[in-house]
Amino acid sequence: MSAITTHILNVSSGFPARGVPVTLERQTSSGWEIIGKGATDDDGRLLNLLASDTGLLSGNYRLTFDTKTYFQQQQIEGFYPQVTVAFTVRDAAQHYHVPLLLSPFGYSTYRGS
């Protein structure tokens, strides 16, 4: 499991959001650098965003969820084509879990465990 993970639940259906494309970026002095990509599994989880040989550094990160693709697959018209969640890693030795609660017209996120 990577040091940064996510889990997406579709709160309008009550089921995990499977197949959501996710991009993980780290802020550098020259901008944002993509350091991981993937899609959520059948349980709505993405546990391998970072390669095992990629070390976590302190700094700013962001997860971008391609919700347009997900809602199109569900044949639902959503309002937000993507959701971007920016957060700060202060202690690189910790695990950071960033869940997303999603519906076609809203979302919520928090630091999980």
PDB file of N, CA and C in Angstrom:
ATOM      1  N   MET A   1       0.852  -1.174   0.000  1.00  0.00           N
ATOM      2  CA  MET A   1       0.000   0.000   0.000  1.00  0.00           C
ATOM      3  C   MET A   1       0.898   1.237   0.000  1.00  0.00           C
ATOM      4  N   SER A   2       0.526   2.220  -0.797  1.00  0.00           N
ATOM      5  CA  SER A   2       1.329   3.437  -0.880  1.00  0.00           C
ATOM      6  C   SER A   2       1.060   4.339   0.323  1.00  0.00           C
ATOM      7  N   ALA A   3       1.890   5.340   0.498  1.00  0.00           N
ATOM      8  CA  ALA A   3       1.778   6.262   1.630  1.00  0.00           C
ATOM      9  C   ALA A   3       0.576   7.193   1.495  1.00  0.00           C
ATOM     10  N   ILE A   4       0.040   7.329   0.283  1.00  0.00           N
ATOM     11  CA  ILE A   4      -1.165   8.126   0.038  1.00  0.00           C
ATOM     12  C   ILE A   4      -2.192   7.224  -0.633  1.00  0.00           C
ATOM     13  N   THR A   5      -3.368   7.131  -0.020  1.00  0.00           N
ATOM     14  CA  THR A   5      -4.439   6.293  -0.561  1.00  0.00           C
ATOM     15  C   THR A   5      -5.738   7.094  -0.578  1.00  0.00           C
ATOM     16  N   THR A   6      -6.722   6.558  -1.304  1.00  0.00           N
ATOM     17  CA  THR A   6      -8.028   7.205  -1.352  1.00  0.00           C
ATOM     18  C   THR A   6      -9.123   6.151  -1.449  1.00  0.00           C
ATOM     19  N   HIS A   7     -10.337   6.566  -1.183  1.00  0.00           N
ATOM     20  CA  HIS A   7     -11.517   5.712  -1.230  1.00  0.00           C
ATOM     21  C   HIS A   7     -12.681   6.616  -1.616  1.00  0.00           C
ATOM     22  N   ILE A   8     -13.448   6.216  -2.617  1.00  0.00           N
ATOM     23  CA  ILE A   8     -14.556   7.054  -3.078  1.00  0.00           C
ATOM     24  C   ILE A   8     -15.870   6.300  -2.906  1.00  0.00           C
ATOM     25  N   LEU A   9     -16.807   6.952  -2.234  1.00  0.00           N
ATOM     26  CA  LEU A   9     -18.155   6.415  -2.098  1.00  0.00           C
ATOM     27  C   LEU A   9     -19.129   7.338  -2.812  1.00  0.00           C
ATOM     28  N   ASN A  10     -19.995   6.745  -3.616  1.00  0.00           N
ATOM     29  CA  ASN A  10     -21.061   7.491  -4.278  1.00  0.00           C
ATOM     30  C   ASN A  10     -22.218   7.547  -3.285  1.00  0.00           C
ATOM     31  N   VAL A  11     -22.398   8.679  -2.637  1.00  0.00           N
ATOM     32  CA  VAL A  11     -23.408   8.771  -1.591  1.00  0.00           C
ATOM     33  C   VAL A  11     -24.828   8.811  -2.146  1.00  0.00           C
ATOM     34  N   SER A  12     -24.987   9.082  -3.435  1.00  0.00           N
ATOM     35  CA  SER A  12     -26.334   9.071  -4.005  1.00  0.00           C
ATOM     36  C   SER A  12     -26.813   7.651  -4.288  1.00  0.00           C
ATOM     37  N   SER A  13     -25.886   6.733  -4.545  1.00  0.00           N
ATOM     38  CA  SER A  13     -26.268   5.336  -4.787  1.00  0.00           C
ATOM     39  C   SER A  13     -26.018   4.458  -3.564  1.00  0.00           C
ATOM     40  N   GLY A  14     -25.116   4.911  -2.692  1.00  0.00           N
ATOM     41  CA  GLY A  14     -24.763   4.110  -1.526  1.00  0.00           C
ATOM     42  C   GLY A  14     -23.702   3.064  -1.812  1.00  0.00           C
ATOM     43  N   PHE A  15     -23.088   3.119  -2.992  1.00  0.00           N
ATOM     44  CA  PHE A  15     -22.093   2.122  -3.386  1.00  0.00           C
ATOM     45  C   PHE A  15     -20.731   2.766  -3.619  1.00  0.00           C
ATOM     46  N   PRO A  16     -19.676   1.954  -3.555  1.00  0.00           N
ATOM     47  CA  PRO A  16     -18.347   2.466  -3.897  1.00  0.00           C
ATOM     48  C   PRO A  16     -18.318   2.942  -5.348  1.00  0.00           C
ATOM     49  N   ALA A  17     -17.514   3.958  -5.602  1.00  0.00           N
ATOM     50  CA  ALA A  17     -17.360   4.489  -6.960  1.00  0.00           C
ATOM     51  C   ALA A  17     -16.183   3.778  -7.613  1.00  0.00           C
ATOM     52  N   ARG A  18     -16.488   2.816  -8.457  1.00  0.00           N
ATOM     53  CA  ARG A  18     -15.419   2.034  -9.089  1.00  0.00           C
ATOM     54  C   ARG A  18     -15.056   2.626 -10.440  1.00  0.00           C
ATOM     55  N   GLY A  19     -13.769   2.515 -10.777  1.00  0.00           N
ATOM     56  CA  GLY A  19     -13.295   2.954 -12.079  1.00  0.00           C
ATOM     57  C   GLY A  19     -13.054   4.447 -12.215  1.00  0.00           C
ATOM     58  N   VAL A  20     -12.956   5.162 -11.107  1.00  0.00           N
ATOM     59  CA  VAL A  20     -12.707   6.607 -11.176  1.00  0.00           C
ATOM     60  C   VAL A  20     -11.215   6.848 -11.419  1.00  0.00           C
ATOM     61  N   PRO A  21     -10.848   7.501 -12.524  1.00  0.00           N
ATOM     62  CA  PRO A  21      -9.439   7.834 -12.749  1.00  0.00           C
ATOM     63  C   PRO A  21      -8.972   8.891 -11.737  1.00  0.00           C
ATOM     64  N   VAL A  22      -7.783   8.663 -11.170  1.00  0.00           N
ATOM     65  CA  VAL A  22      -7.235   9.559 -10.149  1.00  0.00           C
ATOM     66  C   VAL A  22      -5.782   9.873 -10.502  1.00  0.00           C
ATOM     67  N   THR A  23      -5.404  11.130 -10.342  1.00  0.00           N
ATOM     68  CA  THR A  23      -4.023  11.561 -10.549  1.00  0.00           C
ATOM     69  C   THR A  23      -3.504  12.171  -9.255  1.00  0.00           C
ATOM     70  N   LEU A  24      -2.293  11.794  -8.873  1.00  0.00           N
ATOM     71  CA  LEU A  24      -1.629  12.350  -7.692  1.00  0.00           C
ATOM     72  C   LEU A  24      -0.465  13.216  -8.155  1.00  0.00           C
ATOM     73  N   GLU A  25      -0.410  14.445  -7.640  1.00  0.00           N
ATOM     74  CA  GLU A  25       0.667  15.371  -7.997  1.00  0.00           C
ATOM     75  C   GLU A  25       1.334  15.920  -6.738  1.00  0.00           C
ATOM     76  N   ARG A  26       2.618  16.260  -6.876  1.00  0.00           N
ATOM     77  CA  ARG A  26       3.378  16.913  -5.813  1.00  0.00           C
ATOM     78  C   ARG A  26       3.811  18.282  -6.328  1.00  0.00           C
ATOM     79  N   GLN A  27       3.704  19.291  -5.474  1.00  0.00           N
ATOM     80  CA  GLN A  27       4.131  20.636  -5.868  1.00  0.00           C
ATOM     81  C   GLN A  27       5.648  20.747  -5.748  1.00  0.00           C
ATOM     82  N   THR A  28       6.260  21.237  -6.820  1.00  0.00           N
ATOM     83  CA  THR A  28       7.704  21.460  -6.841  1.00  0.00           C
ATOM     84  C   THR A  28       7.958  22.946  -7.078  1.00  0.00           C
ATOM     85  N   SER A  29       9.198  23.331  -7.103  1.00  0.00           N
ATOM     86  CA  SER A  29       9.535  24.741  -7.340  1.00  0.00           C
ATOM     87  C   SER A  29       9.129  25.201  -8.739  1.00  0.00           C
ATOM     88  N   SER A  30       8.943  24.258  -9.661  1.00  0.00           N
ATOM     89  CA  SER A  30       8.565  24.625 -11.032  1.00  0.00           C
ATOM     90  C   SER A  30       7.102  24.330 -11.357  1.00  0.00           C
ATOM     91  N   GLY A  31       6.310  23.951 -10.367  1.00  0.00           N
ATOM     92  CA  GLY A  31       4.896  23.675 -10.610  1.00  0.00           C
ATOM     93  C   GLY A  31       4.480  22.340 -10.025  1.00  0.00           C
ATOM     94  N   TRP A  32       3.469  21.735 -10.627  1.00  0.00           N
ATOM     95  CA  TRP A  32       2.942  20.454 -10.156  1.00  0.00           C
ATOM     96  C   TRP A  32       3.507  19.325 -11.009  1.00  0.00           C
ATOM     97  N   GLU A  33       3.970  18.279 -10.335  1.00  0.00           N
ATOM     98  CA  GLU A  33       4.563  17.116 -11.002  1.00  0.00           C
ATOM     99  C   GLU A  33       3.700  15.885 -10.724  1.00  0.00           C
ATOM    100  N   ILE A  34       3.284  15.186 -11.783  1.00  0.00           N
ATOM    101  CA  ILE A  34       2.509  13.953 -11.609  1.00  0.00           C
ATOM    102  C   ILE A  34       3.430  12.874 -11.056  1.00  0.00           C
ATOM    103  N   ILE A  35       3.022  12.288  -9.932  1.00  0.00           N
ATOM    104  CA  ILE A  35       3.828  11.222  -9.326  1.00  0.00           C
ATOM    105  C   ILE A  35       3.061   9.909  -9.211  1.00  0.00           C
ATOM    106  N   GLY A  36       1.792   9.911  -9.593  1.00  0.00           N
ATOM    107  CA  GLY A  36       1.013   8.682  -9.548  1.00  0.00           C
ATOM    108  C   GLY A  36      -0.300   8.824 -10.287  1.00  0.00           C
ATOM    109  N   LYS A  37      -0.752   7.699 -10.855  1.00  0.00           N
ATOM    110  CA  LYS A  37      -2.042   7.646 -11.554  1.00  0.00           C
ATOM    111  C   LYS A  37      -2.643   6.273 -11.319  1.00  0.00           C
ATOM    112  N   GLY A  38      -3.948   6.213 -11.381  1.00  0.00           N
ATOM    113  CA  GLY A  38      -4.619   4.930 -11.254  1.00  0.00           C
ATOM    114  C   GLY A  38      -6.119   5.127 -11.333  1.00  0.00           C
ATOM    115  N   ALA A  39      -6.849   4.056 -11.058  1.00  0.00           N
ATOM    116  CA  ALA A  39      -8.310   4.106 -11.029  1.00  0.00           C
ATOM    117  C   ALA A  39      -8.788   3.282  -9.844  1.00  0.00           C
ATOM    118  N   THR A  40      -9.908   3.686  -9.279  1.00  0.00           N
ATOM    119  CA  THR A  40     -10.424   2.985  -8.113  1.00  0.00           C
ATOM    120  C   THR A  40     -10.876   1.570  -8.478  1.00  0.00           C
ATOM    121  N   ASP A  41     -10.733   0.664  -7.510  1.00  0.00           N
ATOM    122  CA  ASP A  41     -11.101  -0.735  -7.716  1.00  0.00           C
ATOM    123  C   ASP A  41     -12.597  -0.940  -7.449  1.00  0.00           C
ATOM    124  N   ASP A  42     -13.036  -2.192  -7.423  1.00  0.00           N
ATOM    125  CA  ASP A  42     -14.453  -2.505  -7.236  1.00  0.00           C
ATOM    126  C   ASP A  42     -14.998  -2.006  -5.902  1.00  0.00           C
ATOM    127  N   ASP A  43     -14.109  -1.814  -4.924  1.00  0.00           N
ATOM    128  CA  ASP A  43     -14.507  -1.319  -3.609  1.00  0.00           C
ATOM    129  C   ASP A  43     -14.343   0.200  -3.505  1.00  0.00           C
ATOM    130  N   GLY A  44     -14.033   0.856  -4.641  1.00  0.00           N
ATOM    131  CA  GLY A  44     -13.864   2.300  -4.649  1.00  0.00           C
ATOM    132  C   GLY A  44     -12.541   2.772  -4.079  1.00  0.00           C
ATOM    133  N   ARG A  45     -11.602   1.845  -3.909  1.00  0.00           N
ATOM    134  CA  ARG A  45     -10.316   2.174  -3.287  1.00  0.00           C
ATOM    135  C   ARG A  45      -9.194   2.249  -4.316  1.00  0.00           C
ATOM    136  N   LEU A  46      -8.219   3.069  -4.006  1.00  0.00           N
ATOM    137  CA  LEU A  46      -6.991   3.146  -4.792  1.00  0.00           C
ATOM    138  C   LEU A  46      -5.845   3.144  -3.789  1.00  0.00           C
ATOM    139  N   LEU A  47      -5.204   1.990  -3.675  1.00  0.00           N
ATOM    140  CA  LEU A  47      -4.198   1.780  -2.636  1.00  0.00           C
ATOM    141  C   LEU A  47      -2.772   1.836  -3.152  1.00  0.00           C
ATOM    142  N   ASN A  48      -2.588   1.923  -4.475  1.00  0.00           N
ATOM    143  CA  ASN A  48      -1.234   1.874  -5.041  1.00  0.00           C
ATOM    144  C   ASN A  48      -0.939   3.097  -5.912  1.00  0.00           C
ATOM    145  N   LEU A  49      -1.260   4.263  -5.396  1.00  0.00           N
ATOM    146  CA  LEU A  49      -1.010   5.501  -6.150  1.00  0.00           C
ATOM    147  C   LEU A  49       0.474   5.785  -6.331  1.00  0.00           C
ATOM    148  N   LEU A  50       1.252   5.512  -5.317  1.00  0.00           N
ATOM    149  CA  LEU A  50       2.700   5.722  -5.376  1.00  0.00           C
ATOM    150  C   LEU A  50       3.399   4.393  -5.571  1.00  0.00           C
ATOM    151  N   ALA A  51       4.369   4.353  -6.448  1.00  0.00           N
ATOM    152  CA  ALA A  51       5.189   3.147  -6.602  1.00  0.00           C
ATOM    153  C   ALA A  51       5.927   2.895  -5.291  1.00  0.00           C
ATOM    154  N   SER A  52       6.195   1.629  -5.002  1.00  0.00           N
ATOM    155  CA  SER A  52       6.825   1.282  -3.727  1.00  0.00           C
ATOM    156  C   SER A  52       8.195   1.925  -3.554  1.00  0.00           C
ATOM    157  N   ASP A  53       8.857   2.261  -4.650  1.00  0.00           N
ATOM    158  CA  ASP A  53      10.177   2.889  -4.546  1.00  0.00           C
ATOM    159  C   ASP A  53      10.115   4.418  -4.552  1.00  0.00           C
ATOM    160  N   THR A  54       8.896   4.972  -4.564  1.00  0.00           N
ATOM    161  CA  THR A  54       8.734   6.427  -4.523  1.00  0.00           C
ATOM    162  C   THR A  54       8.552   6.858  -3.078  1.00  0.00           C
ATOM    163  N   GLY A  55       9.494   7.609  -2.569  1.00  0.00           N
ATOM    164  CA  GLY A  55       9.404   8.072  -1.191  1.00  0.00           C
ATOM    165  C   GLY A  55       8.500   9.286  -1.063  1.00  0.00           C
ATOM    166  N   LEU A  56       7.819   9.350   0.052  1.00  0.00           N
ATOM    167  CA  LEU A  56       6.968  10.494   0.339  1.00  0.00           C
ATOM    168  C   LEU A  56       7.834  11.599   0.941  1.00  0.00           C
ATOM    169  N   LEU A  57       7.629  12.816   0.480  1.00  0.00           N
ATOM    170  CA  LEU A  57       8.355  13.977   0.986  1.00  0.00           C
ATOM    171  C   LEU A  57       7.363  14.939   1.627  1.00  0.00           C
ATOM    172  N   SER A  58       7.821  15.729   2.567  1.00  0.00           N
ATOM    173  CA  SER A  58       6.970  16.783   3.115  1.00  0.00           C
ATOM    174  C   SER A  58       6.672  17.780   2.005  1.00  0.00           C
ATOM    175  N   GLY A  59       5.475  18.369   2.051  1.00  0.00           N
ATOM    176  CA  GLY A  59       5.117  19.360   1.048  1.00  0.00           C
ATOM    177  C   GLY A  59       3.658  19.294   0.667  1.00  0.00           C
ATOM    178  N   ASN A  60       3.318  19.980  -0.408  1.00  0.00           N
ATOM    179  CA  ASN A  60       1.940  20.057  -0.886  1.00  0.00           C
ATOM    180  C   ASN A  60       1.690  19.030  -1.986  1.00  0.00           C
ATOM    181  N   TYR A  61       0.525  18.404  -1.892  1.00  0.00           N
ATOM    182  CA  TYR A  61       0.102  17.385  -2.848  1.00  0.00           C
ATOM    183  C   TYR A  61      -1.320  17.699  -3.269  1.00  0.00           C
ATOM    184  N   ARG A  62      -1.733  17.093  -4.383  1.00  0.00           N
ATOM    185  CA  ARG A  62      -3.141  17.179  -4.755  1.00  0.00           C
ATOM    186  C   ARG A  62      -3.559  15.912  -5.487  1.00  0.00           C
ATOM    187  N   LEU A  63      -4.787  15.529  -5.205  1.00  0.00           N
ATOM    188  CA  LEU A  63      -5.449  14.424  -5.891  1.00  0.00           C
ATOM    189  C   LEU A  63      -6.501  15.026  -6.810  1.00  0.00           C
ATOM    190  N   THR A  64      -6.522  14.581  -8.060  1.00  0.00           N
ATOM    191  CA  THR A  64      -7.555  15.017  -8.992  1.00  0.00           C
ATOM    192  C   THR A  64      -8.358  13.795  -9.409  1.00  0.00           C
ATOM    193  N   PHE A  65      -9.652  13.860  -9.162  1.00  0.00           N
ATOM    194  CA  PHE A  65     -10.575  12.771  -9.459  1.00  0.00           C
ATOM    195  C   PHE A  65     -11.338  13.129 -10.734  1.00  0.00           C
ATOM    196  N   ASP A  66     -11.282  12.272 -11.742  1.00  0.00           N
ATOM    197  CA  ASP A  66     -11.971  12.506 -13.019  1.00  0.00           C
ATOM    198  C   ASP A  66     -13.417  12.038 -12.875  1.00  0.00           C
ATOM    199  N   THR A  67     -14.236  12.877 -12.266  1.00  0.00           N
ATOM    200  CA  THR A  67     -15.619  12.497 -11.984  1.00  0.00           C
ATOM    201  C   THR A  67     -16.490  12.499 -13.241  1.00  0.00           C
ATOM    202  N   LYS A  68     -16.108  13.275 -14.242  1.00  0.00           N
ATOM    203  CA  LYS A  68     -16.875  13.289 -15.497  1.00  0.00           C
ATOM    204  C   LYS A  68     -16.886  11.898 -16.124  1.00  0.00           C
ATOM    205  N   THR A  69     -15.712  11.275 -16.209  1.00  0.00           N
ATOM    206  CA  THR A  69     -15.619   9.922 -16.774  1.00  0.00           C
ATOM    207  C   THR A  69     -16.464   8.948 -15.970  1.00  0.00           C
ATOM    208  N   TYR A  70     -16.378   9.026 -14.648  1.00  0.00           N
ATOM    209  CA  TYR A  70     -17.147   8.122 -13.782  1.00  0.00           C
ATOM    210  C   TYR A  70     -18.645   8.290 -14.008  1.00  0.00           C
ATOM    211  N   PHE A  71     -19.132   9.519 -13.966  1.00  0.00           N
ATOM    212  CA  PHE A  71     -20.573   9.726 -14.122  1.00  0.00           C
ATOM    213  C   PHE A  71     -21.050   9.364 -15.527  1.00  0.00           C
ATOM    214  N   GLN A  72     -20.228   9.588 -16.543  1.00  0.00           N
ATOM    215  CA  GLN A  72     -20.598   9.161 -17.897  1.00  0.00           C
ATOM    216  C   GLN A  72     -20.751   7.642 -17.952  1.00  0.00           C
ATOM    217  N   GLN A  73     -19.863   6.916 -17.288  1.00  0.00           N
ATOM    218  CA  GLN A  73     -19.966   5.452 -17.244  1.00  0.00           C
ATOM    219  C   GLN A  73     -21.250   5.014 -16.552  1.00  0.00           C
ATOM    220  N   GLN A  74     -21.715   5.815 -15.602  1.00  0.00           N
ATOM    221  CA  GLN A  74     -22.944   5.508 -14.866  1.00  0.00           C
ATOM    222  C   GLN A  74     -24.192   6.045 -15.575  1.00  0.00           C
ATOM    223  N   GLN A  75     -23.980   6.716 -16.703  1.00  0.00           N
ATOM    224  CA  GLN A  75     -25.055   7.368 -17.458  1.00  0.00           C
ATOM    225  C   GLN A  75     -25.806   8.385 -16.594  1.00  0.00           C
ATOM    226  N   ILE A  76     -24.997   9.165 -15.869  1.00  0.00           N
ATOM    227  CA  ILE A  76     -25.521  10.209 -14.993  1.00  0.00           C
ATOM    228  C   ILE A  76     -24.864  11.524 -15.397  1.00  0.00           C
ATOM    229  N   GLU A  77     -25.653  12.580 -15.435  1.00  0.00           N
ATOM    230  CA  GLU A  77     -25.078  13.889 -15.720  1.00  0.00           C
ATOM    231  C   GLU A  77     -24.653  14.527 -14.402  1.00  0.00           C
ATOM    232  N   GLY A  78     -23.365  14.736 -14.251  1.00  0.00           N
ATOM    233  CA  GLY A  78     -22.844  15.351 -13.034  1.00  0.00           C
ATOM    234  C   GLY A  78     -22.530  16.821 -13.253  1.00  0.00           C
ATOM    235  N   PHE A  79     -22.423  17.554 -12.176  1.00  0.00           N
ATOM    236  CA  PHE A  79     -22.145  18.988 -12.240  1.00  0.00           C
ATOM    237  C   PHE A  79     -20.650  19.286 -12.243  1.00  0.00           C
ATOM    238  N   TYR A  80     -19.871  18.489 -11.518  1.00  0.00           N
ATOM    239  CA  TYR A  80     -18.430  18.709 -11.400  1.00  0.00           C
ATOM    240  C   TYR A  80     -17.679  17.734 -12.306  1.00  0.00           C
ATOM    241  N   PRO A  81     -16.985  18.218 -13.344  1.00  0.00           N
ATOM    242  CA  PRO A  81     -16.247  17.309 -14.223  1.00  0.00           C
ATOM    243  C   PRO A  81     -15.014  16.710 -13.553  1.00  0.00           C
ATOM    244  N   GLN A  82     -14.514  17.397 -12.549  1.00  0.00           N
ATOM    245  CA  GLN A  82     -13.400  16.851 -11.775  1.00  0.00           C
ATOM    246  C   GLN A  82     -13.440  17.447 -10.381  1.00  0.00           C
ATOM    247  N   VAL A  83     -12.833  16.730  -9.461  1.00  0.00           N
ATOM    248  CA  VAL A  83     -12.686  17.205  -8.088  1.00  0.00           C
ATOM    249  C   VAL A  83     -11.200  17.182  -7.779  1.00  0.00           C
ATOM    250  N   THR A  84     -10.679  18.309  -7.319  1.00  0.00           N
ATOM    251  CA  THR A  84      -9.275  18.389  -6.938  1.00  0.00           C
ATOM    252  C   THR A  84      -9.188  18.672  -5.448  1.00  0.00           C
ATOM    253  N   VAL A  85      -8.430  17.838  -4.755  1.00  0.00           N
ATOM    254  CA  VAL A  85      -8.243  17.979  -3.311  1.00  0.00           C
ATOM    255  C   VAL A  85      -6.760  18.205  -3.055  1.00  0.00           C
ATOM    256  N   ALA A  86      -6.429  19.389  -2.560  1.00  0.00           N
ATOM    257  CA  ALA A  86      -5.039  19.713  -2.224  1.00  0.00           C
ATOM    258  C   ALA A  86      -4.849  19.539  -0.720  1.00  0.00           C
ATOM    259  N   PHE A  87      -3.682  19.037  -0.328  1.00  0.00           N
ATOM    260  CA  PHE A  87      -3.405  18.809   1.095  1.00  0.00           C
ATOM    261  C   PHE A  87      -1.905  18.898   1.333  1.00  0.00           C
ATOM    262  N   THR A  88      -1.538  19.021   2.593  1.00  0.00           N
ATOM    263  CA  THR A  88      -0.138  19.169   2.974  1.00  0.00           C
ATOM    264  C   THR A  88       0.337  17.959   3.758  1.00  0.00           C
ATOM    265  N   VAL A  89       1.445  17.396   3.332  1.00  0.00           N
ATOM    266  CA  VAL A  89       2.115  16.319   4.067  1.00  0.00           C
ATOM    267  C   VAL A  89       3.156  16.986   4.961  1.00  0.00           C
ATOM    268  N   ARG A  90       2.952  16.881   6.263  1.00  0.00           N
ATOM    269  CA  ARG A  90       3.901  17.470   7.208  1.00  0.00           C
ATOM    270  C   ARG A  90       4.894  16.434   7.724  1.00  0.00           C
ATOM    271  N   ASP A  91       4.422  15.217   7.894  1.00  0.00           N
ATOM    272  CA  ASP A  91       5.267  14.138   8.411  1.00  0.00           C
ATOM    273  C   ASP A  91       5.287  13.025   7.371  1.00  0.00           C
ATOM    274  N   ALA A  92       6.380  12.911   6.640  1.00  0.00           N
ATOM    275  CA  ALA A  92       6.477  11.943   5.540  1.00  0.00           C
ATOM    276  C   ALA A  92       6.477  10.501   6.018  1.00  0.00           C
ATOM    277  N   ALA A  93       6.610  10.269   7.315  1.00  0.00           N
ATOM    278  CA  ALA A  93       6.587   8.908   7.849  1.00  0.00           C
ATOM    279  C   ALA A  93       5.161   8.410   8.067  1.00  0.00           C
ATOM    280  N   GLN A  94       4.183   9.292   8.011  1.00  0.00           N
ATOM    281  CA  GLN A  94       2.790   8.907   8.237  1.00  0.00           C
ATOM    282  C   GLN A  94       2.132   8.423   6.950  1.00  0.00           C
ATOM    283  N   HIS A  95       0.992   7.753   7.134  1.00  0.00           N
ATOM    284  CA  HIS A  95       0.139   7.349   6.019  1.00  0.00           C
ATOM    285  C   HIS A  95      -0.948   8.409   5.863  1.00  0.00           C
ATOM    286  N   TYR A  96      -1.256   8.779   4.631  1.00  0.00           N
ATOM    287  CA  TYR A  96      -2.278   9.785   4.355  1.00  0.00           C
ATOM    288  C   TYR A  96      -3.387   9.150   3.528  1.00  0.00           C
ATOM    289  N   HIS A  97      -4.583   9.068   4.135  1.00  0.00           N
ATOM    290  CA  HIS A  97      -5.754   8.510   3.465  1.00  0.00           C
ATOM    291  C   HIS A  97      -6.734   9.656   3.242  1.00  0.00           C
ATOM    292  N   VAL A  98      -7.130   9.870   1.981  1.00  0.00           N
ATOM    293  CA  VAL A  98      -7.971  11.016   1.616  1.00  0.00           C
ATOM    294  C   VAL A  98      -9.242  10.494   0.942  1.00  0.00           C
ATOM    295  N   PRO A  99     -10.288  10.196   1.723  1.00  0.00           N
ATOM    296  CA  PRO A  99     -11.540   9.717   1.147  1.00  0.00           C
ATOM    297  C   PRO A  99     -12.330  10.843   0.474  1.00  0.00           C
ATOM    298  N   LEU A 100     -13.166  10.442  -0.477  1.00  0.00           N
ATOM    299  CA  LEU A 100     -14.048  11.377  -1.175  1.00  0.00           C
ATOM    300  C   LEU A 100     -15.460  10.812  -1.137  1.00  0.00           C
ATOM    301  N   LEU A 101     -16.391  11.597  -0.623  1.00  0.00           N
ATOM    302  CA  LEU A 101     -17.811  11.257  -0.662  1.00  0.00           C
ATOM    303  C   LEU A 101     -18.391  12.057  -1.822  1.00  0.00           C
ATOM    304  N   LEU A 102     -18.996  11.358  -2.772  1.00  0.00           N
ATOM    305  CA  LEU A 102     -19.333  11.955  -4.061  1.00  0.00           C
ATOM    306  C   LEU A 102     -20.797  11.752  -4.416  1.00  0.00           C
ATOM    307  N   SER A 103     -21.385  12.776  -5.014  1.00  0.00           N
ATOM    308  CA  SER A 103     -22.700  12.664  -5.642  1.00  0.00           C
ATOM    309  C   SER A 103     -22.644  13.504  -6.918  1.00  0.00           C
ATOM    310  N   PRO A 104     -23.641  13.403  -7.784  1.00  0.00           N
ATOM    311  CA  PRO A 104     -23.582  14.171  -9.025  1.00  0.00           C
ATOM    312  C   PRO A 104     -23.516  15.688  -8.814  1.00  0.00           C
ATOM    313  N   PHE A 105     -24.000  16.171  -7.674  1.00  0.00           N
ATOM    314  CA  PHE A 105     -24.078  17.614  -7.474  1.00  0.00           C
ATOM    315  C   PHE A 105     -23.374  18.100  -6.213  1.00  0.00           C
ATOM    316  N   GLY A 106     -22.493  17.287  -5.665  1.00  0.00           N
ATOM    317  CA  GLY A 106     -21.753  17.710  -4.484  1.00  0.00           C
ATOM    318  C   GLY A 106     -20.703  16.685  -4.101  1.00  0.00           C
ATOM    319  N   TYR A 107     -19.812  17.102  -3.213  1.00  0.00           N
ATOM    320  CA  TYR A 107     -18.785  16.195  -2.703  1.00  0.00           C
ATOM    321  C   TYR A 107     -18.269  16.709  -1.367  1.00  0.00           C
ATOM    322  N   SER A 108     -17.649  15.809  -0.627  1.00  0.00           N
ATOM    323  CA  SER A 108     -17.041  16.135   0.651  1.00  0.00           C
ATOM    324  C   SER A 108     -15.802  15.271   0.807  1.00  0.00           C
ATOM    325  N   THR A 109     -14.826  15.773   1.527  1.00  0.00           N
ATOM    326  CA  THR A 109     -13.604  15.019   1.750  1.00  0.00           C
ATOM    327  C   THR A 109     -13.096  15.299   3.160  1.00  0.00           C
ATOM    328  N   TYR A 110     -12.203  14.449   3.630  1.00  0.00           N
ATOM    329  CA  TYR A 110     -11.651  14.598   4.973  1.00  0.00           C
ATOM    330  C   TYR A 110     -10.369  13.786   5.049  1.00  0.00           C
ATOM    331  N   ARG A 111      -9.603  13.984   6.090  1.00  0.00           N
ATOM    332  CA  ARG A 111      -8.420  13.149   6.296  1.00  0.00           C
ATOM    333  C   ARG A 111      -8.867  11.897   7.023  1.00  0.00           C
ATOM    334  N   GLY A 112      -8.696  10.768   6.371  1.00  0.00           N
ATOM    335  CA  GLY A 112      -9.077   9.497   6.957  1.00  0.00           C
ATOM    336  C   GLY A 112      -7.919   8.872   7.706  1.00  0.00           C
ATOM    337  N   SER A 113      -8.098   7.595   8.028  1.00  0.00           N
ATOM    338  CA  SER A 113      -7.040   6.886   8.759  1.00  0.00           C
ATOM    339  C   SER A 113      -6.635   5.635   8.011  1.00  0.00           C
TER     340      SER A 113
END
